[in-house]
């Protein structure tokens, strides 16, 4: 069909209408597209040569058994994660590793409250949530809720992968879990796949309230949030959470605030993106 200048073509009108709808939907639509289109398409395995190089560098200095309270801590931030570092894009692997610790699947499986606060003090509170184009840390002063284990966890399968942070990073690199090779953080769809490698179940939750209702006293979960509710370009962040043993309040690991009465309180000025209850089947 020709358009002789009498008015905009049908296609131009449709495009204008679509553009207007996108602008009207705003940040909410961008969040939806990022979760359901960008991350699934942008996540692919990291090449074998890079994986081997990263593992050789990470293994000698990788934490094992104690939660990481701040991914910007000097002994953690330089670990390699895909084509980036834990300090820049490692919050996804750190959240899974921390969940392993809290459920007794990573060595000692958690610290006492005093040990957690001591480590947090040594790590400091210097960190800021990541900027545009990737995922990164939020500052952490350590949880004020006793970590411990959530129930008696069954031992992992004999063929389970290495549960150290280096081992978890390796699983993310292998299983299409890092977006743009880690440059854009971790793909939320891959969290469950990685957890299953360690014999754990990940039940998705559609809201903070749903996850809160699903967590029993001492229960463990993982949250993914957009760092600022109205600005998806400010990036996203993953972190592990645990309900207090008395059921009153929640602790966050590798995030700030580190303690709140509700999960919404832990999210603060961010926006819920995805969540999972993590448990031993």
C-alpha atoms as a PDB file:
ATOM      1  CA  UNK A   1       0.000   0.000   0.000  1.00  0.00           C
ATOM      2  CA  UNK A   2       1.318   3.419  -0.979  1.00  0.00           C
ATOM      3  CA  UNK A   3       1.337   6.411   1.286  1.00  0.00           C
ATOM      4  CA  UNK A   4       1.042   9.574  -0.809  1.00  0.00           C
ATOM      5  CA  UNK A   5       1.557  12.006   2.037  1.00  0.00           C
ATOM      6  CA  UNK A   6      -2.108  12.295   2.971  1.00  0.00           C
ATOM      7  CA  UNK A   7      -1.263  11.070   6.499  1.00  0.00           C
ATOM      8  CA  UNK A   8       0.834   8.624   8.427  1.00  0.00           C
ATOM      9  CA  UNK A   9       0.771   5.026   7.262  1.00  0.00           C
ATOM     10  CA  UNK A  10      -0.956   2.288   9.229  1.00  0.00           C
ATOM     11  CA  UNK A  11       2.459   0.966  10.265  1.00  0.00           C
ATOM     12  CA  UNK A  12       3.531   4.384  11.514  1.00  0.00           C
ATOM     13  CA  UNK A  13       0.340   4.661  13.545  1.00  0.00           C
ATOM     14  CA  UNK A  14       0.875   1.201  15.027  1.00  0.00           C
ATOM     15  CA  UNK A  15       4.482   2.018  15.887  1.00  0.00           C
ATOM     16  CA  UNK A  16       3.445   5.280  17.529  1.00  0.00           C
ATOM     17  CA  UNK A  17       0.777   3.473  19.523  1.00  0.00           C
ATOM     18  CA  UNK A  18       3.280   0.810  20.614  1.00  0.00           C
ATOM     19  CA  UNK A  19       5.823   3.435  21.607  1.00  0.00           C
ATOM     20  CA  UNK A  20       3.184   5.262  23.594  1.00  0.00           C
ATOM     21  CA  UNK A  21       2.221   2.047  25.383  1.00  0.00           C
ATOM     22  CA  UNK A  22       5.858   1.366  26.263  1.00  0.00           C
ATOM     23  CA  UNK A  23       6.285   4.872  27.654  1.00  0.00           C
ATOM     24  CA  UNK A  24       3.057   4.551  29.629  1.00  0.00           C
ATOM     25  CA  UNK A  25       4.080   1.191  31.073  1.00  0.00           C
ATOM     26  CA  UNK A  26       7.473   2.635  31.916  1.00  0.00           C
ATOM     27  CA  UNK A  27       9.754   0.892  34.349  1.00  0.00           C
ATOM     28  CA  UNK A  28       7.323  -1.954  35.014  1.00  0.00           C
ATOM     29  CA  UNK A  29       7.468  -3.104  31.409  1.00  0.00           C
ATOM     30  CA  UNK A  30      11.247  -2.825  31.341  1.00  0.00           C
ATOM     31  CA  UNK A  31      11.448  -5.027  34.444  1.00  0.00           C
ATOM     32  CA  UNK A  32       9.164  -7.603  32.843  1.00  0.00           C
ATOM     33  CA  UNK A  33      11.159  -7.655  29.604  1.00  0.00           C
ATOM     34  CA  UNK A  34      14.454  -7.938  31.478  1.00  0.00           C
ATOM     35  CA  UNK A  35      13.284 -10.944  33.510  1.00  0.00           C
ATOM     36  CA  UNK A  36      11.460 -12.805  30.746  1.00  0.00           C
ATOM     37  CA  UNK A  37      13.357 -11.824  27.618  1.00  0.00           C
ATOM     38  CA  UNK A  38      16.780 -10.311  28.242  1.00  0.00           C
ATOM     39  CA  UNK A  39      18.142 -12.698  30.872  1.00  0.00           C
ATOM     40  CA  UNK A  40      17.012 -15.933  29.143  1.00  0.00           C
ATOM     41  CA  UNK A  41      18.513 -14.787  25.839  1.00  0.00           C
ATOM     42  CA  UNK A  42      21.685 -13.255  27.260  1.00  0.00           C
ATOM     43  CA  UNK A  43      22.735 -16.176  29.485  1.00  0.00           C
ATOM     44  CA  UNK A  44      25.065 -18.763  27.993  1.00  0.00           C
ATOM     45  CA  UNK A  45      27.899 -20.974  29.284  1.00  0.00           C
ATOM     46  CA  UNK A  46      31.284 -19.366  29.831  1.00  0.00           C
ATOM     47  CA  UNK A  47      34.023 -20.864  27.659  1.00  0.00           C
ATOM     48  CA  UNK A  48      36.082 -23.757  29.037  1.00  0.00           C
ATOM     49  CA  UNK A  49      39.369 -21.882  28.904  1.00  0.00           C
ATOM     50  CA  UNK A  50      37.956 -18.984  30.938  1.00  0.00           C
ATOM     51  CA  UNK A  51      36.350 -21.385  33.433  1.00  0.00           C
ATOM     52  CA  UNK A  52      39.626 -23.216  34.014  1.00  0.00           C
ATOM     53  CA  UNK A  53      41.572 -20.009  34.412  1.00  0.00           C
ATOM     54  CA  UNK A  54      39.002 -18.642  36.856  1.00  0.00           C
ATOM     55  CA  UNK A  55      38.951 -21.827  38.908  1.00  0.00           C
ATOM     56  CA  UNK A  56      42.745 -21.974  39.110  1.00  0.00           C
ATOM     57  CA  UNK A  57      42.751 -18.415  40.456  1.00  0.00           C
ATOM     58  CA  UNK A  58      39.714 -18.764  42.744  1.00  0.00           C
ATOM     59  CA  UNK A  59      40.234 -22.147  44.382  1.00  0.00           C
ATOM     60  CA  UNK A  60      43.217 -21.262  46.637  1.00  0.00           C
ATOM     61  CA  UNK A  61      41.484 -18.228  48.173  1.00  0.00           C
ATOM     62  CA  UNK A  62      37.814 -19.181  48.020  1.00  0.00           C
ATOM     63  CA  UNK A  63      35.644 -19.049  51.179  1.00  0.00           C
ATOM     64  CA  UNK A  64      34.174 -22.381  52.249  1.00  0.00           C
ATOM     65  CA  UNK A  65      31.775 -22.921  55.114  1.00  0.00           C
ATOM     66  CA  UNK A  66      31.088 -19.367  56.344  1.00  0.00           C
ATOM     67  CA  UNK A  67      28.644 -16.914  54.730  1.00  0.00           C
ATOM     68  CA  UNK A  68      30.001 -13.998  52.727  1.00  0.00           C
ATOM     69  CA  UNK A  69      28.638 -10.854  54.345  1.00  0.00           C
ATOM     70  CA  UNK A  70      30.123  -8.364  51.885  1.00  0.00           C
ATOM     71  CA  UNK A  71      31.156  -9.227  48.349  1.00  0.00           C
ATOM     72  CA  UNK A  72      33.402  -6.145  48.353  1.00  0.00           C
ATOM     73  CA  UNK A  73      35.536  -7.523  51.189  1.00  0.00           C
ATOM     74  CA  UNK A  74      39.230  -7.633  50.116  1.00  0.00           C
ATOM     75  CA  UNK A  75      39.469 -11.421  50.365  1.00  0.00           C
ATOM     76  CA  UNK A  76      36.389 -11.945  48.147  1.00  0.00           C
ATOM     77  CA  UNK A  77      35.952  -9.099  45.683  1.00  0.00           C
ATOM     78  CA  UNK A  78      38.815 -10.130  43.392  1.00  0.00           C
ATOM     79  CA  UNK A  79      37.578 -13.685  42.755  1.00  0.00           C
ATOM     80  CA  UNK A  80      36.821 -14.183  39.092  1.00  0.00           C
ATOM     81  CA  UNK A  81      33.214 -14.688  37.971  1.00  0.00           C
ATOM     82  CA  UNK A  82      32.828 -15.284  34.247  1.00  0.00           C
ATOM     83  CA  UNK A  83      34.400 -12.283  32.530  1.00  0.00           C
ATOM     84  CA  UNK A  84      34.090 -10.132  35.645  1.00  0.00           C
ATOM     85  CA  UNK A  85      34.781 -10.314  39.364  1.00  0.00           C
ATOM     86  CA  UNK A  86      32.715 -11.168  42.429  1.00  0.00           C
ATOM     87  CA  UNK A  87      32.961  -7.562  43.562  1.00  0.00           C
ATOM     88  CA  UNK A  88      31.264  -6.342  40.387  1.00  0.00           C
ATOM     89  CA  UNK A  89      28.910  -9.117  39.269  1.00  0.00           C
ATOM     90  CA  UNK A  90      29.104 -11.972  41.773  1.00  0.00           C
ATOM     91  CA  UNK A  91      26.012 -11.427  43.920  1.00  0.00           C
ATOM     92  CA  UNK A  92      24.159 -14.327  42.265  1.00  0.00           C
ATOM     93  CA  UNK A  93      26.789 -16.977  43.094  1.00  0.00           C
ATOM     94  CA  UNK A  94      27.325 -15.403  46.526  1.00  0.00           C
ATOM     95  CA  UNK A  95      23.601 -15.690  47.323  1.00  0.00           C
ATOM     96  CA  UNK A  96      23.565 -19.389  46.398  1.00  0.00           C
ATOM     97  CA  UNK A  97      26.784 -20.044  48.322  1.00  0.00           C
ATOM     98  CA  UNK A  98      25.358 -18.301  51.383  1.00  0.00           C
ATOM     99  CA  UNK A  99      22.184 -20.397  51.160  1.00  0.00           C
ATOM    100  CA  UNK A 100      24.380 -23.525  51.094  1.00  0.00           C
ATOM    101  CA  UNK A 101      26.125 -22.326  54.250  1.00  0.00           C
ATOM    102  CA  UNK A 102      22.879 -21.616  56.061  1.00  0.00           C
ATOM    103  CA  UNK A 103      21.523 -25.050  55.171  1.00  0.00           C
ATOM    104  CA  UNK A 104      24.667 -26.876  56.198  1.00  0.00           C
ATOM    105  CA  UNK A 105      25.784 -27.726  52.656  1.00  0.00           C
ATOM    106  CA  UNK A 106      29.046 -25.753  52.622  1.00  0.00           C
ATOM    107  CA  UNK A 107      31.435 -27.014  55.254  1.00  0.00           C
ATOM    108  CA  UNK A 108      30.681 -25.617  58.676  1.00  0.00           C
ATOM    109  CA  UNK A 109      27.331 -24.284  57.465  1.00  0.00           C
ATOM    110  CA  UNK A 110      27.086 -20.964  59.252  1.00  0.00           C
ATOM    111  CA  UNK A 111      28.596 -18.927  62.035  1.00  0.00           C
ATOM    112  CA  UNK A 112      27.570 -17.982  65.517  1.00  0.00           C
ATOM    113  CA  UNK A 113      26.032 -14.554  65.923  1.00  0.00           C
ATOM    114  CA  UNK A 114      29.197 -13.247  67.581  1.00  0.00           C
ATOM    115  CA  UNK A 115      31.386 -14.584  64.794  1.00  0.00           C
ATOM    116  CA  UNK A 116      29.128 -13.053  62.154  1.00  0.00           C
ATOM    117  CA  UNK A 117      29.227  -9.643  63.789  1.00  0.00           C
ATOM    118  CA  UNK A 118      32.997  -9.863  64.263  1.00  0.00           C
ATOM    119  CA  UNK A 119      33.548 -10.699  60.615  1.00  0.00           C
ATOM    120  CA  UNK A 120      31.161  -7.954  59.559  1.00  0.00           C
ATOM    121  CA  UNK A 121      33.068  -5.407  61.631  1.00  0.00           C
ATOM    122  CA  UNK A 122      36.335  -6.429  60.020  1.00  0.00           C
ATOM    123  CA  UNK A 123      34.832  -6.208  56.550  1.00  0.00           C
ATOM    124  CA  UNK A 124      33.310  -2.799  57.192  1.00  0.00           C
ATOM    125  CA  UNK A 125      30.254  -1.223  55.728  1.00  0.00           C
ATOM    126  CA  UNK A 126      31.853   0.267  52.616  1.00  0.00           C
ATOM    127  CA  UNK A 127      29.838  -0.745  49.605  1.00  0.00           C
ATOM    128  CA  UNK A 128      27.144   0.686  47.434  1.00  0.00           C
ATOM    129  CA  UNK A 129      24.540  -0.960  45.303  1.00  0.00           C
ATOM    130  CA  UNK A 130      25.561  -1.433  41.713  1.00  0.00           C
ATOM    131  CA  UNK A 131      25.014   1.015  38.952  1.00  0.00           C
ATOM    132  CA  UNK A 132      23.528   0.560  35.532  1.00  0.00           C
ATOM    133  CA  UNK A 133      24.350  -2.339  33.326  1.00  0.00           C
ATOM    134  CA  UNK A 134      24.985  -5.101  35.822  1.00  0.00           C
ATOM    135  CA  UNK A 135      24.552  -6.552  39.261  1.00  0.00           C
ATOM    136  CA  UNK A 136      26.621  -5.764  42.252  1.00  0.00           C
ATOM    137  CA  UNK A 137      26.758  -5.596  46.024  1.00  0.00           C
ATOM    138  CA  UNK A 138      25.002  -3.685  48.654  1.00  0.00           C
ATOM    139  CA  UNK A 139      26.884  -2.768  51.803  1.00  0.00           C
ATOM    140  CA  UNK A 140      26.637  -5.196  54.709  1.00  0.00           C
ATOM    141  CA  UNK A 141      27.311  -4.749  58.370  1.00  0.00           C
ATOM    142  CA  UNK A 142      26.422  -8.349  59.126  1.00  0.00           C
ATOM    143  CA  UNK A 143      23.142  -9.945  60.159  1.00  0.00           C
ATOM    144  CA  UNK A 144      21.783  -9.431  63.622  1.00  0.00           C
ATOM    145  CA  UNK A 145      19.769 -12.662  63.483  1.00  0.00           C
ATOM    146  CA  UNK A 146      21.467 -15.921  64.372  1.00  0.00           C
ATOM    147  CA  UNK A 147      22.423 -17.665  61.101  1.00  0.00           C
ATOM    148  CA  UNK A 148      22.738 -21.318  62.050  1.00  0.00           C
ATOM    149  CA  UNK A 149      21.251 -24.166  60.077  1.00  0.00           C
ATOM    150  CA  UNK A 150      17.632 -24.443  59.129  1.00  0.00           C
ATOM    151  CA  UNK A 151      16.803 -27.872  60.477  1.00  0.00           C
ATOM    152  CA  UNK A 152      18.880 -31.014  60.078  1.00  0.00           C
ATOM    153  CA  UNK A 153      20.115 -30.994  56.510  1.00  0.00           C
ATOM    154  CA  UNK A 154      20.704 -34.340  54.864  1.00  0.00           C
ATOM    155  CA  UNK A 155      24.234 -34.838  53.548  1.00  0.00           C
ATOM    156  CA  UNK A 156      24.772 -33.828  49.900  1.00  0.00           C
ATOM    157  CA  UNK A 157      24.916 -36.492  47.222  1.00  0.00           C
ATOM    158  CA  UNK A 158      28.350 -38.097  46.726  1.00  0.00           C
ATOM    159  CA  UNK A 159      28.604 -36.586  43.250  1.00  0.00           C
ATOM    160  CA  UNK A 160      27.528 -33.070  44.333  1.00  0.00           C
ATOM    161  CA  UNK A 161      29.822 -30.312  43.028  1.00  0.00           C
ATOM    162  CA  UNK A 162      32.279 -28.399  45.198  1.00  0.00           C
ATOM    163  CA  UNK A 163      30.230 -26.277  47.668  1.00  0.00           C
ATOM    164  CA  UNK A 164      32.873 -23.578  48.115  1.00  0.00           C
ATOM    165  CA  UNK A 165      32.260 -20.158  46.584  1.00  0.00           C
ATOM    166  CA  UNK A 166      34.694 -21.064  43.797  1.00  0.00           C
ATOM    167  CA  UNK A 167      32.677 -24.219  43.129  1.00  0.00           C
ATOM    168  CA  UNK A 168      29.396 -22.311  43.008  1.00  0.00           C
ATOM    169  CA  UNK A 169      30.894 -19.783  40.602  1.00  0.00           C
ATOM    170  CA  UNK A 170      31.973 -22.693  38.404  1.00  0.00           C
ATOM    171  CA  UNK A 171      28.400 -24.004  38.339  1.00  0.00           C
ATOM    172  CA  UNK A 172      27.082 -20.584  37.306  1.00  0.00           C
ATOM    173  CA  UNK A 173      29.670 -20.438  34.530  1.00  0.00           C
ATOM    174  CA  UNK A 174      28.704 -23.880  33.208  1.00  0.00           C
ATOM    175  CA  UNK A 175      24.918 -23.709  33.400  1.00  0.00           C
ATOM    176  CA  UNK A 176      23.917 -20.665  31.371  1.00  0.00           C
ATOM    177  CA  UNK A 177      23.549 -18.695  34.567  1.00  0.00           C
ATOM    178  CA  UNK A 178      25.617 -15.575  33.807  1.00  0.00           C
ATOM    179  CA  UNK A 179      24.175 -12.898  31.536  1.00  0.00           C
ATOM    180  CA  UNK A 180      26.626 -11.628  28.921  1.00  0.00           C
ATOM    181  CA  UNK A 181      29.293 -13.791  30.485  1.00  0.00           C
ATOM    182  CA  UNK A 182      28.739 -12.143  33.866  1.00  0.00           C
ATOM    183  CA  UNK A 183      28.939  -8.583  32.592  1.00  0.00           C
ATOM    184  CA  UNK A 184      25.197  -8.208  33.283  1.00  0.00           C
ATOM    185  CA  UNK A 185      25.114 -10.304  36.438  1.00  0.00           C
ATOM    186  CA  UNK A 186      23.241 -13.579  36.902  1.00  0.00           C
ATOM    187  CA  UNK A 187      20.094 -14.908  35.261  1.00  0.00           C
ATOM    188  CA  UNK A 188      17.292 -15.492  37.782  1.00  0.00           C
ATOM    189  CA  UNK A 189      16.071 -18.542  35.876  1.00  0.00           C
ATOM    190  CA  UNK A 190      19.346 -20.307  36.597  1.00  0.00           C
ATOM    191  CA  UNK A 191      19.181 -20.057  40.393  1.00  0.00           C
ATOM    192  CA  UNK A 192      17.031 -23.167  40.739  1.00  0.00           C
ATOM    193  CA  UNK A 193      19.192 -25.135  38.301  1.00  0.00           C
ATOM    194  CA  UNK A 194      22.344 -24.415  40.285  1.00  0.00           C
ATOM    195  CA  UNK A 195      20.718 -25.180  43.641  1.00  0.00           C
ATOM    196  CA  UNK A 196      19.514 -28.543  42.341  1.00  0.00           C
ATOM    197  CA  UNK A 197      23.109 -29.502  41.624  1.00  0.00           C
ATOM    198  CA  UNK A 198      23.650 -29.335  45.386  1.00  0.00           C
ATOM    199  CA  UNK A 199      20.582 -31.395  46.242  1.00  0.00           C
ATOM    200  CA  UNK A 200      18.448 -28.418  47.266  1.00  0.00           C
ATOM    201  CA  UNK A 201      14.980 -27.402  46.139  1.00  0.00           C
ATOM    202  CA  UNK A 202      14.076 -23.857  45.083  1.00  0.00           C
ATOM    203  CA  UNK A 203      10.383 -22.962  45.169  1.00  0.00           C
ATOM    204  CA  UNK A 204       9.700 -19.634  43.414  1.00  0.00           C
ATOM    205  CA  UNK A 205       7.685 -16.917  45.145  1.00  0.00           C
ATOM    206  CA  UNK A 206       5.786 -14.168  43.340  1.00  0.00           C
ATOM    207  CA  UNK A 207       6.100 -11.486  46.006  1.00  0.00           C
ATOM    208  CA  UNK A 208       7.879 -10.673  49.262  1.00  0.00           C
ATOM    209  CA  UNK A 209       4.686 -11.548  51.136  1.00  0.00           C
ATOM    210  CA  UNK A 210       4.477 -14.957  49.443  1.00  0.00           C
ATOM    211  CA  UNK A 211       8.108 -15.745  50.257  1.00  0.00           C
ATOM    212  CA  UNK A 212       7.653 -14.526  53.807  1.00  0.00           C
ATOM    213  CA  UNK A 213       4.655 -16.827  54.267  1.00  0.00           C
ATOM    214  CA  UNK A 214       6.624 -19.764  52.850  1.00  0.00           C
ATOM    215  CA  UNK A 215       9.603 -19.406  55.199  1.00  0.00           C
ATOM    216  CA  UNK A 216       9.284 -21.251  58.518  1.00  0.00           C
ATOM    217  CA  UNK A 217      11.363 -20.219  61.544  1.00  0.00           C
ATOM    218  CA  UNK A 218      14.990 -20.643  60.491  1.00  0.00           C
ATOM    219  CA  UNK A 219      13.916 -20.980  56.838  1.00  0.00           C
ATOM    220  CA  UNK A 220      16.232 -19.820  54.054  1.00  0.00           C
ATOM    221  CA  UNK A 221      15.462 -17.986  50.835  1.00  0.00           C
ATOM    222  CA  UNK A 222      17.046 -15.958  48.055  1.00  0.00           C
ATOM    223  CA  UNK A 223      15.818 -12.586  46.844  1.00  0.00           C
ATOM    224  CA  UNK A 224      16.513 -10.766  43.604  1.00  0.00           C
ATOM    225  CA  UNK A 225      15.671  -7.071  43.690  1.00  0.00           C
ATOM    226  CA  UNK A 226      16.038  -4.062  41.435  1.00  0.00           C
ATOM    227  CA  UNK A 227      18.267  -1.684  43.374  1.00  0.00           C
ATOM    228  CA  UNK A 228      15.939   1.301  42.887  1.00  0.00           C
ATOM    229  CA  UNK A 229      12.219   0.805  42.481  1.00  0.00           C
ATOM    230  CA  UNK A 230      11.793   3.297  39.651  1.00  0.00           C
ATOM    231  CA  UNK A 231      15.087   2.863  37.811  1.00  0.00           C
ATOM    232  CA  UNK A 232      15.904  -0.554  36.363  1.00  0.00           C
ATOM    233  CA  UNK A 233      19.104   0.913  34.919  1.00  0.00           C
ATOM    234  CA  UNK A 234      20.500   1.140  38.454  1.00  0.00           C
ATOM    235  CA  UNK A 235      20.950  -2.623  38.340  1.00  0.00           C
ATOM    236  CA  UNK A 236      19.832  -5.640  40.338  1.00  0.00           C
ATOM    237  CA  UNK A 237      21.073  -7.535  43.366  1.00  0.00           C
ATOM    238  CA  UNK A 238      20.754 -11.106  44.700  1.00  0.00           C
ATOM    239  CA  UNK A 239      21.095 -11.945  48.380  1.00  0.00           C
ATOM    240  CA  UNK A 240      20.233 -14.772  50.774  1.00  0.00           C
ATOM    241  CA  UNK A 241      17.757 -14.284  53.604  1.00  0.00           C
ATOM    242  CA  UNK A 242      16.875 -16.270  56.714  1.00  0.00           C
ATOM    243  CA  UNK A 243      13.939 -16.069  59.087  1.00  0.00           C
ATOM    244  CA  UNK A 244      14.844 -15.875  62.774  1.00  0.00           C
ATOM    245  CA  UNK A 245      14.412 -19.063  64.768  1.00  0.00           C
ATOM    246  CA  UNK A 246      11.691 -17.445  66.845  1.00  0.00           C
ATOM    247  CA  UNK A 247       9.944 -16.408  63.626  1.00  0.00           C
ATOM    248  CA  UNK A 248      10.311 -12.695  64.391  1.00  0.00           C
ATOM    249  CA  UNK A 249      12.389 -10.847  61.830  1.00  0.00           C
ATOM    250  CA  UNK A 250      14.695 -11.657  58.955  1.00  0.00           C
ATOM    251  CA  UNK A 251      18.422 -11.490  58.332  1.00  0.00           C
ATOM    252  CA  UNK A 252      20.015 -10.604  54.998  1.00  0.00           C
ATOM    253  CA  UNK A 253      23.461 -11.778  53.884  1.00  0.00           C
ATOM    254  CA  UNK A 254      25.501  -9.509  51.595  1.00  0.00           C
ATOM    255  CA  UNK A 255      22.925  -6.754  51.663  1.00  0.00           C
ATOM    256  CA  UNK A 256      21.962  -3.667  53.630  1.00  0.00           C
ATOM    257  CA  UNK A 257      19.898  -3.376  55.758  1.00  0.00           C
ATOM    258  CA  UNK A 258      21.023  -6.667  57.240  1.00  0.00           C
ATOM    259  CA  UNK A 259      18.030  -7.101  59.543  1.00  0.00           C
ATOM    260  CA  UNK A 260      14.354  -6.147  59.374  1.00  0.00           C
ATOM    261  CA  UNK A 261      10.996  -7.266  60.662  1.00  0.00           C
ATOM    262  CA  UNK A 262       9.804  -8.077  57.131  1.00  0.00           C
ATOM    263  CA  UNK A 263      11.300  -8.949  53.765  1.00  0.00           C
ATOM    264  CA  UNK A 264       9.904  -5.689  52.428  1.00  0.00           C
ATOM    265  CA  UNK A 265      12.018  -3.976  55.055  1.00  0.00           C
ATOM    266  CA  UNK A 266      15.108  -5.761  53.755  1.00  0.00           C
ATOM    267  CA  UNK A 267      14.301  -4.632  50.210  1.00  0.00           C
ATOM    268  CA  UNK A 268      14.141  -1.016  51.369  1.00  0.00           C
ATOM    269  CA  UNK A 269      14.041   1.399  48.449  1.00  0.00           C
ATOM    270  CA  UNK A 270      14.444  -1.394  45.916  1.00  0.00           C
ATOM    271  CA  UNK A 271      11.819  -3.383  44.042  1.00  0.00           C
ATOM    272  CA  UNK A 272      11.115  -7.110  44.262  1.00  0.00           C
ATOM    273  CA  UNK A 273      12.098  -8.972  41.090  1.00  0.00           C
ATOM    274  CA  UNK A 274      12.134 -12.669  42.061  1.00  0.00           C
ATOM    275  CA  UNK A 275      12.377 -14.879  45.112  1.00  0.00           C
ATOM    276  CA  UNK A 276      12.840 -18.513  46.089  1.00  0.00           C
ATOM    277  CA  UNK A 277      12.399 -20.580  49.212  1.00  0.00           C
ATOM    278  CA  UNK A 278      15.471 -22.820  49.436  1.00  0.00           C
ATOM    279  CA  UNK A 279      15.137 -26.105  51.287  1.00  0.00           C
ATOM    280  CA  UNK A 280      16.371 -29.671  51.598  1.00  0.00           C
ATOM    281  CA  UNK A 281      13.859 -31.928  49.752  1.00  0.00           C
END
